[in-house]
């Protein structure tokens, strides 16, 4: 637990501009990691992760200063999580900051 908490502060101190929470079934974690790598390469940005893989919950730090690009990256990460049978949040809830993404992901299901 302490390492995960320190990872948050290390990412923030390194310049993370957004910290998001994605949860997927444990068996889908390898695919999630592949997709995160692909998104990182697509946008030429850095995305780091730490979490509690035992329950499929991954905390991602996105180091992207461009706000529009950051929004697209977060949206894609949430879509990937949902497509792998997961959700856009496991323990931190949706709240105002994530409502837009929640609505977009839910609209994709219909």
N, C-alpha and C. Protein backbone atom coordinates (compact mmCIF):
# COMPACT_ATOMS: atom_id res chain seq x y z
N UNK A 1 0.83 -1.19 0.00
CA UNK A 1 0.00 0.00 0.00
C UNK A 1 0.88 1.25 0.00
N UNK A 2 1.92 1.25 0.81
CA UNK A 2 2.79 2.42 0.90
C UNK A 2 3.46 2.71 -0.44
N UNK A 3 3.90 1.67 -1.13
CA UNK A 3 4.54 1.86 -2.43
C UNK A 3 3.57 2.49 -3.42
N UNK A 4 2.32 2.00 -3.44
CA UNK A 4 1.32 2.56 -4.36
C UNK A 4 1.06 4.02 -4.06
N UNK A 5 0.97 4.36 -2.78
CA UNK A 5 0.75 5.76 -2.41
C UNK A 5 1.94 6.63 -2.82
N UNK A 6 3.13 6.13 -2.64
CA UNK A 6 4.32 6.89 -3.04
C UNK A 6 4.40 7.03 -4.55
N UNK A 7 3.89 6.04 -5.28
CA UNK A 7 3.88 6.12 -6.74
C UNK A 7 3.05 7.31 -7.20
N UNK A 8 1.95 7.57 -6.51
CA UNK A 8 1.11 8.73 -6.84
C UNK A 8 1.90 10.02 -6.72
N UNK A 9 2.59 10.19 -5.61
CA UNK A 9 3.36 11.42 -5.39
C UNK A 9 4.54 11.52 -6.34
N UNK A 10 5.16 10.40 -6.66
CA UNK A 10 6.27 10.41 -7.61
C UNK A 10 5.78 10.83 -8.99
N UNK A 11 4.62 10.31 -9.41
CA UNK A 11 4.06 10.69 -10.71
C UNK A 11 3.69 12.17 -10.73
N UNK A 12 3.06 12.62 -9.66
CA UNK A 12 2.69 14.04 -9.58
C UNK A 12 3.92 14.93 -9.65
N UNK A 13 4.94 14.57 -8.90
CA UNK A 13 6.17 15.35 -8.88
C UNK A 13 6.91 15.30 -10.21
N UNK A 14 6.70 14.24 -10.99
CA UNK A 14 7.33 14.11 -12.31
C UNK A 14 6.58 14.89 -13.38
N UNK A 15 5.41 15.43 -13.02
CA UNK A 15 4.67 16.25 -13.97
C UNK A 15 3.38 15.64 -14.48
N UNK A 16 2.86 14.63 -13.79
CA UNK A 16 1.59 14.04 -14.23
C UNK A 16 0.52 15.13 -14.22
N UNK A 17 -0.20 15.21 -15.32
CA UNK A 17 -1.24 16.22 -15.44
C UNK A 17 -2.63 15.65 -15.18
N UNK A 18 -2.73 14.33 -15.11
CA UNK A 18 -4.00 13.70 -14.75
C UNK A 18 -3.71 12.33 -14.16
N UNK A 19 -4.49 11.95 -13.21
CA UNK A 19 -4.40 10.64 -12.57
C UNK A 19 -5.77 10.01 -12.67
N UNK A 20 -5.83 8.86 -13.34
CA UNK A 20 -7.13 8.22 -13.53
C UNK A 20 -7.10 6.80 -12.99
N UNK A 21 -8.27 6.25 -12.84
CA UNK A 21 -8.48 4.94 -12.23
C UNK A 21 -9.24 4.08 -13.22
N UNK A 22 -8.64 2.96 -13.65
CA UNK A 22 -9.31 2.04 -14.56
C UNK A 22 -9.29 0.66 -13.93
N UNK A 23 -10.39 -0.04 -13.98
CA UNK A 23 -10.45 -1.39 -13.44
C UNK A 23 -10.92 -2.34 -14.54
N UNK A 24 -10.24 -3.48 -14.62
CA UNK A 24 -10.61 -4.52 -15.58
C UNK A 24 -10.54 -5.87 -14.86
N UNK A 25 -11.18 -6.89 -15.42
CA UNK A 25 -11.00 -8.22 -14.85
C UNK A 25 -9.51 -8.59 -14.85
N UNK A 26 -9.06 -9.27 -13.82
CA UNK A 26 -7.62 -9.59 -13.69
C UNK A 26 -7.04 -10.23 -14.94
N UNK A 27 -7.78 -11.10 -15.57
CA UNK A 27 -7.29 -11.77 -16.77
C UNK A 27 -7.06 -10.85 -17.95
N UNK A 28 -7.63 -9.64 -17.89
CA UNK A 28 -7.49 -8.67 -18.98
C UNK A 28 -6.36 -7.66 -18.74
N UNK A 29 -5.69 -7.76 -17.61
CA UNK A 29 -4.61 -6.80 -17.32
C UNK A 29 -3.52 -6.81 -18.39
N UNK A 30 -3.06 -7.97 -18.88
CA UNK A 30 -2.04 -7.92 -19.93
C UNK A 30 -2.51 -7.17 -21.18
N UNK A 31 -3.76 -7.38 -21.58
CA UNK A 31 -4.30 -6.67 -22.75
C UNK A 31 -4.41 -5.18 -22.45
N UNK A 32 -4.82 -4.83 -21.24
CA UNK A 32 -4.89 -3.42 -20.85
C UNK A 32 -3.51 -2.77 -20.97
N UNK A 33 -2.49 -3.46 -20.50
CA UNK A 33 -1.13 -2.91 -20.57
C UNK A 33 -0.69 -2.70 -22.02
N UNK A 34 -1.04 -3.65 -22.89
CA UNK A 34 -0.73 -3.49 -24.32
C UNK A 34 -1.43 -2.27 -24.90
N UNK A 35 -2.69 -2.09 -24.55
CA UNK A 35 -3.46 -0.95 -25.06
C UNK A 35 -2.93 0.38 -24.51
N UNK A 36 -2.53 0.40 -23.25
CA UNK A 36 -1.95 1.61 -22.66
C UNK A 36 -0.69 1.98 -23.42
N UNK A 37 0.14 0.99 -23.69
CA UNK A 37 1.37 1.24 -24.45
C UNK A 37 1.05 1.80 -25.83
N UNK A 38 0.06 1.23 -26.50
CA UNK A 38 -0.32 1.70 -27.84
C UNK A 38 -0.82 3.14 -27.79
N UNK A 39 -1.64 3.47 -26.80
CA UNK A 39 -2.15 4.84 -26.67
C UNK A 39 -1.00 5.80 -26.37
N UNK A 40 -0.10 5.39 -25.51
CA UNK A 40 1.06 6.22 -25.18
C UNK A 40 1.88 6.53 -26.43
N UNK A 41 2.10 5.52 -27.24
CA UNK A 41 2.87 5.71 -28.49
C UNK A 41 2.09 6.58 -29.48
N UNK A 42 0.80 6.34 -29.60
CA UNK A 42 -0.03 7.10 -30.53
C UNK A 42 0.05 8.60 -30.26
N UNK A 43 0.03 8.97 -28.99
CA UNK A 43 0.03 10.38 -28.61
C UNK A 43 1.42 10.89 -28.21
N UNK A 44 2.43 10.04 -28.34
CA UNK A 44 3.81 10.41 -27.98
C UNK A 44 3.87 11.05 -26.59
N UNK A 45 3.29 10.34 -25.64
CA UNK A 45 3.25 10.83 -24.27
C UNK A 45 3.64 9.71 -23.32
N UNK A 46 3.71 10.02 -22.05
CA UNK A 46 4.07 9.03 -21.04
C UNK A 46 2.84 8.74 -20.18
N UNK A 47 2.57 7.45 -20.01
CA UNK A 47 1.50 6.99 -19.13
C UNK A 47 2.12 5.94 -18.22
N UNK A 48 2.08 6.20 -16.93
CA UNK A 48 2.62 5.23 -15.97
C UNK A 48 1.47 4.63 -15.18
N UNK A 49 1.73 3.51 -14.56
CA UNK A 49 0.66 2.87 -13.80
C UNK A 49 1.17 2.22 -12.53
N UNK A 50 0.31 2.22 -11.56
CA UNK A 50 0.54 1.51 -10.30
C UNK A 50 -0.84 1.14 -9.79
N UNK A 51 -0.92 0.14 -8.98
CA UNK A 51 -2.24 -0.19 -8.46
C UNK A 51 -2.23 -1.48 -7.68
N UNK A 52 -3.38 -2.06 -7.60
CA UNK A 52 -3.54 -3.32 -6.91
C UNK A 52 -4.10 -4.30 -7.93
N UNK A 53 -3.17 -4.91 -8.65
CA UNK A 53 -3.54 -5.78 -9.76
C UNK A 53 -4.37 -6.98 -9.31
N UNK A 54 -4.30 -7.33 -8.04
CA UNK A 54 -5.08 -8.45 -7.54
C UNK A 54 -6.57 -8.28 -7.75
N UNK A 55 -7.03 -7.03 -7.80
CA UNK A 55 -8.45 -6.81 -8.09
C UNK A 55 -8.65 -6.07 -9.40
N UNK A 56 -7.59 -5.96 -10.21
CA UNK A 56 -7.71 -5.37 -11.54
C UNK A 56 -7.75 -3.86 -11.57
N UNK A 57 -7.48 -3.22 -10.46
CA UNK A 57 -7.57 -1.76 -10.37
C UNK A 57 -6.19 -1.14 -10.64
N UNK A 58 -6.11 -0.36 -11.69
CA UNK A 58 -4.85 0.25 -12.10
C UNK A 58 -5.01 1.77 -12.05
N UNK A 59 -4.10 2.42 -11.36
CA UNK A 59 -4.07 3.88 -11.29
C UNK A 59 -3.06 4.37 -12.33
N UNK A 60 -3.53 5.17 -13.26
CA UNK A 60 -2.69 5.64 -14.36
C UNK A 60 -2.39 7.12 -14.20
N UNK A 61 -1.13 7.46 -14.39
CA UNK A 61 -0.70 8.86 -14.39
C UNK A 61 -0.35 9.23 -15.82
N UNK A 62 -0.96 10.29 -16.31
CA UNK A 62 -0.72 10.74 -17.68
C UNK A 62 0.12 12.01 -17.61
N UNK A 63 1.26 12.00 -18.28
CA UNK A 63 2.15 13.16 -18.30
C UNK A 63 1.99 13.84 -19.66
N UNK A 64 0.96 14.63 -19.80
CA UNK A 64 0.64 15.30 -21.07
C UNK A 64 0.16 16.72 -20.79
N UNK A 65 0.96 17.72 -21.14
CA UNK A 65 0.57 19.10 -20.83
C UNK A 65 -0.54 19.68 -21.69
N UNK A 66 -0.74 19.15 -22.89
CA UNK A 66 -1.78 19.67 -23.79
C UNK A 66 -3.14 19.18 -23.32
N UNK A 67 -4.00 20.09 -22.88
CA UNK A 67 -5.28 19.72 -22.29
C UNK A 67 -6.18 18.95 -23.26
N UNK A 68 -6.24 19.37 -24.52
CA UNK A 68 -7.09 18.68 -25.49
C UNK A 68 -6.60 17.25 -25.73
N UNK A 69 -5.29 17.11 -25.87
CA UNK A 69 -4.70 15.79 -26.07
C UNK A 69 -4.92 14.92 -24.83
N UNK A 70 -4.77 15.52 -23.66
CA UNK A 70 -4.98 14.82 -22.40
C UNK A 70 -6.41 14.26 -22.32
N UNK A 71 -7.37 15.05 -22.72
CA UNK A 71 -8.77 14.62 -22.70
C UNK A 71 -8.99 13.45 -23.65
N UNK A 72 -8.38 13.48 -24.83
CA UNK A 72 -8.52 12.38 -25.78
C UNK A 72 -7.88 11.11 -25.23
N UNK A 73 -6.71 11.25 -24.61
CA UNK A 73 -6.00 10.10 -24.03
C UNK A 73 -6.85 9.46 -22.93
N UNK A 74 -7.33 10.28 -22.01
CA UNK A 74 -8.15 9.75 -20.92
C UNK A 74 -9.39 9.05 -21.47
N UNK A 75 -10.04 9.65 -22.45
CA UNK A 75 -11.22 9.04 -23.05
C UNK A 75 -10.92 7.68 -23.66
N UNK A 76 -9.79 7.59 -24.35
CA UNK A 76 -9.41 6.31 -24.96
C UNK A 76 -9.08 5.27 -23.89
N UNK A 77 -8.40 5.68 -22.83
CA UNK A 77 -8.08 4.74 -21.76
C UNK A 77 -9.35 4.20 -21.11
N UNK A 78 -10.31 5.07 -20.88
CA UNK A 78 -11.58 4.62 -20.30
C UNK A 78 -12.32 3.68 -21.25
N UNK A 79 -12.30 3.99 -22.53
CA UNK A 79 -12.97 3.14 -23.51
C UNK A 79 -12.34 1.75 -23.55
N UNK A 80 -11.01 1.71 -23.49
CA UNK A 80 -10.31 0.42 -23.48
C UNK A 80 -10.72 -0.39 -22.25
N UNK A 81 -10.71 0.26 -21.10
CA UNK A 81 -11.11 -0.43 -19.88
C UNK A 81 -12.50 -1.02 -19.99
N UNK A 82 -13.41 -0.24 -20.49
CA UNK A 82 -14.79 -0.69 -20.65
C UNK A 82 -14.89 -1.83 -21.66
N UNK A 83 -14.13 -1.72 -22.76
CA UNK A 83 -14.18 -2.76 -23.79
C UNK A 83 -13.62 -4.09 -23.29
N UNK A 84 -12.78 -4.04 -22.27
CA UNK A 84 -12.21 -5.25 -21.69
C UNK A 84 -13.06 -5.79 -20.53
N UNK A 85 -14.26 -5.26 -20.39
CA UNK A 85 -15.16 -5.75 -19.36
C UNK A 85 -15.01 -5.04 -18.03
N UNK A 86 -14.36 -3.89 -18.04
CA UNK A 86 -14.11 -3.15 -16.81
C UNK A 86 -14.97 -1.91 -16.69
N UNK A 87 -14.45 -0.97 -15.91
CA UNK A 87 -15.16 0.28 -15.63
C UNK A 87 -14.15 1.41 -15.51
N UNK A 88 -14.65 2.64 -15.51
CA UNK A 88 -13.75 3.79 -15.47
C UNK A 88 -13.36 4.18 -14.05
N UNK A 89 -13.84 3.49 -13.08
CA UNK A 89 -13.43 3.75 -11.71
C UNK A 89 -13.74 2.54 -10.86
N UNK A 90 -12.87 2.29 -9.91
CA UNK A 90 -13.12 1.17 -9.02
C UNK A 90 -13.36 1.64 -7.60
N UNK A 91 -12.53 2.53 -7.12
CA UNK A 91 -12.63 2.91 -5.72
C UNK A 91 -12.81 4.40 -5.48
N UNK A 92 -12.62 5.21 -6.51
CA UNK A 92 -12.67 6.65 -6.30
C UNK A 92 -13.95 7.30 -6.80
N UNK A 93 -14.82 6.52 -7.37
CA UNK A 93 -16.08 7.08 -7.85
C UNK A 93 -15.93 7.87 -9.13
N UNK A 94 -17.02 8.42 -9.59
CA UNK A 94 -17.03 9.16 -10.85
C UNK A 94 -16.83 10.65 -10.57
N UNK A 95 -17.70 11.27 -9.84
CA UNK A 95 -17.55 12.68 -9.52
C UNK A 95 -17.67 13.58 -10.73
N UNK A 96 -17.54 14.86 -10.49
CA UNK A 96 -17.69 15.87 -11.56
C UNK A 96 -16.61 15.74 -12.62
N UNK A 97 -15.39 15.45 -12.21
CA UNK A 97 -14.27 15.42 -13.15
C UNK A 97 -14.39 14.27 -14.15
N UNK A 98 -15.04 13.19 -13.78
CA UNK A 98 -15.12 12.02 -14.65
C UNK A 98 -16.50 11.80 -15.27
N UNK A 99 -17.44 12.66 -14.94
CA UNK A 99 -18.81 12.49 -15.43
C UNK A 99 -18.85 12.46 -16.96
N UNK A 100 -18.12 13.35 -17.60
CA UNK A 100 -18.10 13.41 -19.06
C UNK A 100 -17.67 12.06 -19.65
N UNK A 101 -16.62 11.49 -19.10
CA UNK A 101 -16.12 10.21 -19.61
C UNK A 101 -17.11 9.09 -19.34
N UNK A 102 -17.71 9.11 -18.17
CA UNK A 102 -18.69 8.08 -17.82
C UNK A 102 -19.83 8.09 -18.84
N UNK A 103 -20.33 9.28 -19.16
CA UNK A 103 -21.44 9.39 -20.09
C UNK A 103 -21.02 8.92 -21.48
N UNK A 104 -19.80 9.26 -21.91
CA UNK A 104 -19.32 8.83 -23.22
C UNK A 104 -19.20 7.32 -23.29
N UNK A 105 -18.64 6.72 -22.26
CA UNK A 105 -18.47 5.27 -22.23
C UNK A 105 -19.82 4.58 -22.20
N UNK A 106 -20.75 5.08 -21.42
CA UNK A 106 -22.07 4.47 -21.36
C UNK A 106 -22.81 4.63 -22.67
N UNK A 107 -22.65 5.78 -23.36
CA UNK A 107 -23.31 5.98 -24.65
C UNK A 107 -22.79 5.00 -25.70
N UNK A 108 -21.52 4.60 -25.59
CA UNK A 108 -20.93 3.65 -26.53
C UNK A 108 -21.60 2.28 -26.42
N UNK A 109 -22.13 1.95 -25.25
CA UNK A 109 -22.76 0.66 -25.04
C UNK A 109 -24.08 0.54 -25.76
N UNK A 110 -24.73 1.65 -26.02
CA UNK A 110 -26.09 1.62 -26.58
C UNK A 110 -26.09 1.51 -28.06
